[in-house]
Amino acid sequence: MSWLAQYLGPEGFAAMRLSIWVSLWATALSLPLALWVAHLLARKRFLGREVLNIVVHLPLVLPPVVTGYLLLVTFGRRAPLGQFLQESFGLILAFKWTGAALAAAIMGFPLMVRAIRLALENVDPKLEEAAATLGASRARIYLTVTLPLMWPGVIAGAVLAFAKAIGEFGATITFVSNIPGQTQTLPSAIYALLQIPGEEPLAFRLVIVSTAIAVLALVASEILARRARPGDAS
């Protein structure tokens, strides 16, 4: 990786590593909740279901800066919830990489939920009913029947959320600012370089790296999804 560090420079390489780290955490933390919410929206009928659907998809239509501001007033160090997390668990979100992970997770969450929900809706309930008649518990049915059948959608949702996290800018820079080595992700680094005369070549290198990461993620998603499809051995 030394050649990449030389190609991007110290700050650019640090921004790349932080972006990948933040995106992985955002995706991993979102996935369990996304599976649960997708199940609620696809299979359950309850009061407030449409409200939940709207709340889940709200980050897609709100300006990212508004989302970042809402995170700041909710989880900032002076906000009641932010103070509680800091005093009780030592968890600081505002102006930290942890906050960048939270912002990225929220912005990518709707994409993950939508992909998983569509995959779940395509699972034939008769297969689950057949497993139930054989005495399988709900948990076993979900783990051995439902989840394997919807796995390509889970992979697709996770990759979409990861790619969204890599490219997230507005909510992140509003919530955690643009601190080199601490909260500066690839989009923030590109933005900062474009404000400095003569730094366009380095900004272009970061654009190339960002594009390469996104392409690799999509290719990996396609390969994993194909392998996960029942009956597809290719």
Protein backbone atom coordinates (compact mmCIF):
# COMPACT_ATOMS: atom_id res chain seq x y z
CA MET A 1 0.00 0.00 0.00
CA SER A 2 3.05 2.27 0.11
CA TRP A 3 2.64 3.15 -3.56
CA LEU A 4 -0.94 4.23 -2.89
CA ALA A 5 0.18 6.35 0.06
CA GLN A 6 2.74 8.06 -2.20
CA TYR A 7 0.13 8.50 -4.93
CA LEU A 8 -2.42 10.12 -2.63
CA GLY A 9 -0.14 11.82 -0.14
CA PRO A 10 -0.43 11.51 3.67
CA GLU A 11 -3.73 13.38 4.05
CA GLY A 12 -5.32 11.77 1.01
CA PHE A 13 -4.33 8.28 2.15
CA ALA A 14 -5.63 9.00 5.66
CA ALA A 15 -8.93 10.22 4.20
CA MET A 16 -9.25 7.03 2.15
CA ARG A 17 -8.58 4.77 5.14
CA LEU A 18 -11.01 6.73 7.31
CA SER A 19 -13.71 6.58 4.62
CA ILE A 20 -13.42 2.80 4.34
CA TRP A 21 -13.37 2.42 8.13
CA VAL A 22 -16.41 4.67 8.61
CA SER A 23 -18.32 2.97 5.78
CA LEU A 24 -17.66 -0.52 7.14
CA TRP A 25 -18.86 0.47 10.59
CA ALA A 26 -21.90 2.27 9.18
CA THR A 27 -22.87 -0.78 7.13
CA ALA A 28 -22.27 -3.32 9.90
CA LEU A 29 -24.22 -1.35 12.50
CA SER A 30 -27.13 -0.68 10.12
CA LEU A 31 -27.60 -4.24 8.88
CA PRO A 32 -29.34 -5.85 11.90
CA LEU A 33 -31.75 -2.92 12.26
CA ALA A 34 -32.38 -2.87 8.50
CA LEU A 35 -33.29 -6.58 8.54
CA TRP A 36 -35.79 -5.97 11.33
CA VAL A 37 -37.34 -2.85 9.78
CA ALA A 38 -37.57 -4.50 6.35
CA HIS A 39 -39.38 -7.44 7.95
CA LEU A 40 -41.83 -5.09 9.66
CA LEU A 41 -42.58 -3.21 6.45
CA ALA A 42 -42.83 -6.31 4.27
CA ARG A 43 -44.69 -8.73 6.51
CA LYS A 44 -46.46 -6.86 9.30
CA ARG A 45 -49.58 -4.72 9.35
CA PHE A 46 -49.74 -2.35 12.31
CA LEU A 47 -50.80 1.15 13.27
CA GLY A 48 -48.09 3.59 12.26
CA ARG A 49 -46.63 1.39 9.53
CA GLU A 50 -46.81 4.17 6.94
CA VAL A 51 -45.28 6.61 9.41
CA LEU A 52 -42.37 4.21 9.89
CA ASN A 53 -42.00 3.89 6.14
CA ILE A 54 -41.84 7.68 5.78
CA VAL A 55 -39.32 8.07 8.59
CA VAL A 56 -37.08 5.37 7.11
CA HIS A 57 -37.03 7.03 3.69
CA LEU A 58 -36.85 10.61 4.96
CA PRO A 59 -33.03 10.88 4.61
CA LEU A 60 -33.41 10.28 0.87
CA VAL A 61 -35.51 13.41 0.37
CA LEU A 62 -34.18 15.72 3.08
CA PRO A 63 -31.19 17.88 2.17
CA PRO A 64 -28.14 16.12 3.67
CA VAL A 65 -27.21 19.34 5.49
CA VAL A 66 -30.56 19.26 7.28
CA THR A 67 -29.91 15.67 8.36
CA GLY A 68 -26.48 16.69 9.64
CA TYR A 69 -27.94 19.63 11.54
CA LEU A 70 -30.59 17.41 13.16
CA LEU A 71 -27.84 15.01 14.22
CA LEU A 72 -25.86 17.90 15.67
CA VAL A 73 -28.74 19.23 17.78
CA THR A 74 -29.61 15.68 18.88
CA PHE A 75 -26.18 14.17 19.55
CA GLY A 76 -24.05 17.28 20.04
CA ARG A 77 -22.05 17.58 23.24
CA ARG A 78 -24.49 20.18 24.61
CA ALA A 79 -27.59 18.23 23.57
CA PRO A 80 -29.26 16.16 26.32
CA LEU A 81 -28.82 12.87 24.44
CA GLY A 82 -25.26 13.71 23.49
CA GLN A 83 -24.40 14.55 27.10
CA PHE A 84 -26.03 11.33 28.30
CA LEU A 85 -24.01 9.18 25.89
CA GLN A 86 -20.79 10.94 26.83
CA GLU A 87 -21.31 10.80 30.59
CA SER A 88 -22.75 7.27 30.71
CA PHE A 89 -20.74 5.45 28.05
CA GLY A 90 -17.92 7.83 27.14
CA LEU A 91 -19.30 7.90 23.59
CA ILE A 92 -18.73 11.16 21.73
CA LEU A 93 -20.31 11.53 18.31
CA ALA A 94 -20.09 15.19 17.31
CA PHE A 95 -16.82 16.08 15.55
CA LYS A 96 -15.57 12.47 15.86
CA TRP A 97 -15.26 9.61 13.37
CA THR A 98 -18.01 7.83 15.30
CA GLY A 99 -20.35 10.64 14.32
CA ALA A 100 -19.29 10.27 10.70
CA ALA A 101 -20.23 6.59 10.91
CA LEU A 102 -23.62 7.49 12.38
CA ALA A 103 -24.30 10.08 9.67
CA ALA A 104 -23.24 7.65 6.93
CA ALA A 105 -25.39 4.90 8.43
CA ILE A 106 -28.48 7.11 8.49
CA MET A 107 -27.98 8.29 4.92
CA GLY A 108 -27.50 4.75 3.59
CA PHE A 109 -30.17 3.10 5.75
CA PRO A 110 -33.12 3.70 3.38
CA LEU A 111 -31.24 2.09 0.48
CA MET A 112 -30.42 -0.96 2.58
CA VAL A 113 -33.96 -1.34 3.88
CA ARG A 114 -35.50 -0.98 0.43
CA ALA A 115 -33.27 -3.64 -1.14
CA ILE A 116 -33.87 -6.10 1.71
CA ARG A 117 -37.60 -5.41 1.74
CA LEU A 118 -37.95 -6.09 -1.98
CA ALA A 119 -36.02 -9.34 -1.60
CA LEU A 120 -38.18 -10.41 1.34
CA GLU A 121 -41.38 -9.65 -0.54
CA ASN A 122 -40.22 -12.02 -3.30
CA VAL A 123 -39.80 -14.93 -0.88
CA ASP A 124 -42.67 -17.41 -1.29
CA PRO A 125 -44.50 -17.66 2.07
CA LYS A 126 -45.53 -21.23 1.18
CA LEU A 127 -41.93 -22.35 1.66
CA GLU A 128 -41.94 -20.92 5.17
CA GLU A 129 -45.32 -22.52 5.86
CA ALA A 130 -43.99 -25.88 4.72
CA ALA A 131 -41.06 -25.58 7.12
CA ALA A 132 -43.48 -24.67 9.92
CA THR A 133 -45.59 -27.78 9.28
CA LEU A 134 -42.42 -29.84 9.73
CA GLY A 135 -42.01 -28.40 13.20
CA ALA A 136 -39.41 -25.71 12.60
CA SER A 137 -39.49 -22.74 14.96
CA ARG A 138 -39.86 -19.17 13.68
CA ALA A 139 -36.20 -18.46 14.32
CA ARG A 140 -35.10 -21.59 12.49
CA ILE A 141 -37.41 -20.84 9.55
CA TYR A 142 -35.97 -17.36 9.27
CA LEU A 143 -32.36 -18.53 9.46
CA THR A 144 -32.64 -21.59 7.23
CA VAL A 145 -35.37 -20.64 4.74
CA THR A 146 -36.15 -16.93 4.62
CA LEU A 147 -32.67 -15.46 5.03
CA PRO A 148 -30.96 -17.67 2.42
CA LEU A 149 -33.66 -16.86 -0.13
CA MET A 150 -33.39 -13.12 0.46
CA TRP A 151 -29.60 -13.14 0.80
CA PRO A 152 -28.90 -11.54 -2.62
CA GLY A 153 -31.06 -8.60 -1.58
CA VAL A 154 -29.24 -8.34 1.74
CA ILE A 155 -25.91 -8.23 -0.08
CA ALA A 156 -27.20 -5.65 -2.53
CA GLY A 157 -28.54 -3.48 0.28
CA ALA A 158 -25.31 -3.69 2.24
CA VAL A 159 -23.23 -2.71 -0.79
CA LEU A 160 -25.55 0.17 -1.65
CA ALA A 161 -25.28 1.44 1.92
CA PHE A 162 -21.49 1.05 1.85
CA ALA A 163 -21.22 2.95 -1.43
CA LYS A 164 -23.51 5.68 -0.11
CA ALA A 165 -21.36 5.94 3.02
CA ILE A 166 -18.20 6.29 0.94
CA GLY A 167 -19.74 9.19 -0.97
CA GLU A 168 -21.56 10.88 1.90
CA PHE A 169 -20.64 14.55 2.28
CA GLY A 170 -23.38 16.96 3.37
CA ALA A 171 -24.57 15.31 6.58
CA THR A 172 -21.05 14.29 7.57
CA ILE A 173 -19.39 17.68 7.18
CA THR A 174 -22.27 19.37 9.02
CA PHE A 175 -22.20 16.95 11.95
CA VAL A 176 -18.48 16.21 12.37
CA SER A 177 -16.83 18.99 10.34
CA ASN A 178 -13.75 18.40 8.16
CA ILE A 179 -10.82 17.68 10.46
CA PRO A 180 -7.83 16.07 8.69
CA GLY A 181 -6.93 12.72 10.22
CA GLN A 182 -10.03 12.66 12.43
CA THR A 183 -13.22 13.26 10.45
CA GLN A 184 -11.98 14.08 6.94
CA THR A 185 -13.38 11.47 4.57
CA LEU A 186 -12.73 11.24 0.82
CA PRO A 187 -15.55 13.63 -0.22
CA SER A 188 -14.50 16.14 2.44
CA ALA A 189 -10.86 15.90 1.35
CA ILE A 190 -11.81 16.44 -2.30
CA TYR A 191 -13.90 19.46 -1.36
CA ALA A 192 -11.06 20.94 0.72
CA LEU A 193 -8.51 20.43 -2.05
CA LEU A 194 -10.73 22.13 -4.60
CA GLN A 195 -10.65 25.28 -2.47
CA ILE A 196 -6.84 25.46 -2.73
CA PRO A 197 -5.32 26.70 -6.01
CA GLY A 198 -3.04 24.14 -7.62
CA GLU A 199 -4.40 21.13 -5.71
CA GLU A 200 -6.74 19.98 -8.50
CA PRO A 201 -4.43 17.09 -9.55
CA LEU A 202 -4.51 15.57 -6.05
CA ALA A 203 -8.26 16.06 -5.88
CA PHE A 204 -8.55 14.20 -9.19
CA ARG A 205 -6.51 11.31 -7.75
CA LEU A 206 -8.92 11.07 -4.84
CA VAL A 207 -11.81 11.06 -7.31
CA ILE A 208 -10.19 8.14 -9.14
CA VAL A 209 -9.74 6.22 -5.88
CA SER A 210 -13.33 6.92 -4.82
CA THR A 211 -14.61 5.66 -8.15
CA ALA A 212 -12.40 2.56 -7.96
CA ILE A 213 -13.70 1.68 -4.49
CA ALA A 214 -17.30 2.06 -5.65
CA VAL A 215 -16.71 -0.10 -8.73
CA LEU A 216 -14.96 -2.82 -6.70
CA ALA A 217 -17.84 -2.83 -4.22
CA LEU A 218 -20.41 -3.25 -6.99
CA VAL A 219 -18.41 -6.04 -8.67
CA ALA A 220 -18.00 -7.85 -5.36
CA SER A 221 -21.72 -7.45 -4.69
CA GLU A 222 -22.63 -8.96 -8.05
CA ILE A 223 -20.29 -11.94 -7.54
CA LEU A 224 -21.55 -12.63 -4.02
CA ALA A 225 -25.19 -12.22 -5.06
CA ARG A 226 -24.78 -14.69 -7.91
CA ARG A 227 -23.21 -17.25 -5.62
CA ALA A 228 -25.99 -16.74 -3.08
CA ARG A 229 -28.82 -17.31 -5.54
CA PRO A 230 -30.36 -20.76 -5.11
CA GLY A 231 -29.46 -23.07 -7.95
CA ASP A 232 -26.77 -20.74 -9.30
CA ALA A 233 -23.41 -22.39 -9.06
CA SER A 234 -21.58 -19.89 -11.28
